[in-house]
Amino acid sequence: MKEVGVDLSAHASKGLTDLPKVRWDYVITMGCGDACPFVPSKKTEDWGIPDPKHLPLDEFRKIRDQIEKKVQNLINEVTQPPGEISR
């Protein structure tokens, strides 16, 4: 992530039990399908993206970039005023 300007050195992974007990606006899962734990949300999407953790670097980069694109698309979708046509 550092090679694309994201410093994660001050961050640590969290489990679901570490998250606040709220109803989230969006929950995005990455391919666990029916095996995903239940997290209360207004909208849930499964992106079907494989875990890049043990993949070769070039495959990791492809998945990282795919996630970035999907996140950007989601941000654009949720921040677009109602009735406006997406480009």
Protein backbone atom coordinates (compact mmCIF):
# COMPACT_ATOMS: atom_id res chain seq x y z
CA MET A 1 0.00 0.00 0.00
CA LYS A 2 2.92 2.29 0.69
CA GLU A 3 3.84 2.22 -3.01
CA VAL A 4 0.53 3.96 -3.80
CA GLY A 5 0.93 6.52 -1.01
CA VAL A 6 -1.03 4.81 1.77
CA ASP A 7 0.86 4.38 5.05
CA LEU A 8 -0.76 1.63 7.11
CA SER A 9 2.03 1.40 9.71
CA ALA A 10 -0.10 3.02 12.42
CA HIS A 11 -3.10 0.74 11.72
CA ALA A 12 -3.93 -2.74 12.96
CA SER A 13 -6.56 -5.21 11.80
CA LYS A 14 -9.78 -5.30 13.76
CA GLY A 15 -12.25 -8.10 14.27
CA LEU A 16 -15.99 -7.64 14.02
CA THR A 17 -16.25 -7.70 17.81
CA ASP A 18 -14.04 -4.59 17.90
CA LEU A 19 -16.53 -2.52 15.88
CA PRO A 20 -19.24 -0.37 17.46
CA LYS A 21 -22.64 -2.06 17.76
CA VAL A 22 -24.49 0.15 15.27
CA ARG A 23 -26.45 -0.28 12.05
CA TRP A 24 -24.00 0.67 9.32
CA ASP A 25 -25.06 2.43 6.12
CA TYR A 26 -23.01 0.03 3.98
CA VAL A 27 -21.30 -3.28 4.62
CA ILE A 28 -19.06 -4.59 1.87
CA THR A 29 -17.96 -8.21 1.94
CA MET A 30 -15.23 -9.60 -0.26
CA GLY A 31 -16.46 -12.96 -1.42
CA CYS A 32 -17.52 -14.95 1.62
CA GLY A 33 -21.11 -15.21 0.35
CA ASP A 34 -23.45 -17.03 2.75
CA ALA A 35 -20.52 -17.66 5.11
CA CYS A 36 -20.19 -13.94 5.88
CA PRO A 37 -21.03 -12.99 9.46
CA PHE A 38 -24.14 -10.87 9.92
CA VAL A 39 -23.43 -7.17 10.33
CA PRO A 40 -26.50 -4.93 10.60
CA SER A 41 -26.63 -2.49 7.70
CA LYS A 42 -28.95 -0.53 5.45
CA LYS A 43 -27.20 -2.05 2.41
CA THR A 44 -24.88 -5.03 2.02
CA GLU A 45 -22.88 -5.84 -1.11
CA ASP A 46 -20.61 -8.79 -1.77
CA TRP A 47 -17.88 -7.86 -4.22
CA GLY A 48 -16.61 -11.42 -4.71
CA ILE A 49 -12.97 -10.40 -4.48
CA PRO A 50 -10.39 -13.00 -3.39
CA ASP A 51 -8.21 -12.40 -0.33
CA PRO A 52 -4.86 -11.19 -1.71
CA LYS A 53 -2.95 -11.97 1.49
CA HIS A 54 -0.94 -14.96 0.18
CA LEU A 55 -0.90 -14.10 -3.52
CA PRO A 56 2.19 -13.12 -5.52
CA LEU A 57 2.89 -9.38 -5.55
CA ASP A 58 1.58 -8.79 -9.07
CA GLU A 59 -1.75 -10.49 -8.20
CA PHE A 60 -1.91 -8.59 -4.90
CA ARG A 61 -1.52 -5.33 -6.80
CA LYS A 62 -4.32 -6.25 -9.23
CA ILE A 63 -6.71 -6.94 -6.35
CA ARG A 64 -5.62 -3.80 -4.50
CA ASP A 65 -6.35 -1.74 -7.61
CA GLN A 66 -9.69 -3.52 -8.14
CA ILE A 67 -10.72 -2.70 -4.56
CA GLU A 68 -9.66 0.93 -5.03
CA LYS A 69 -11.80 1.23 -8.16
CA LYS A 70 -14.84 -0.36 -6.49
CA VAL A 71 -14.47 1.89 -3.42
CA GLN A 72 -14.23 4.98 -5.64
CA ASN A 73 -17.33 3.88 -7.57
CA LEU A 74 -19.22 3.36 -4.30
CA ILE A 75 -18.16 6.79 -3.02
CA ASN A 76 -19.36 8.36 -6.28
CA GLU A 77 -22.64 6.46 -6.03
CA VAL A 78 -23.43 7.47 -2.45
CA THR A 79 -22.34 11.10 -2.82
CA GLN A 80 -24.22 11.78 -6.05
CA PRO A 81 -27.29 13.98 -5.57
CA PRO A 82 -30.60 12.14 -6.15
CA GLY A 83 -31.79 12.27 -9.74
CA GLU A 84 -28.37 13.17 -11.17
CA ILE A 85 -27.10 10.86 -13.90
CA SER A 86 -23.77 9.16 -13.21
CA ARG A 87 -21.02 9.47 -15.85
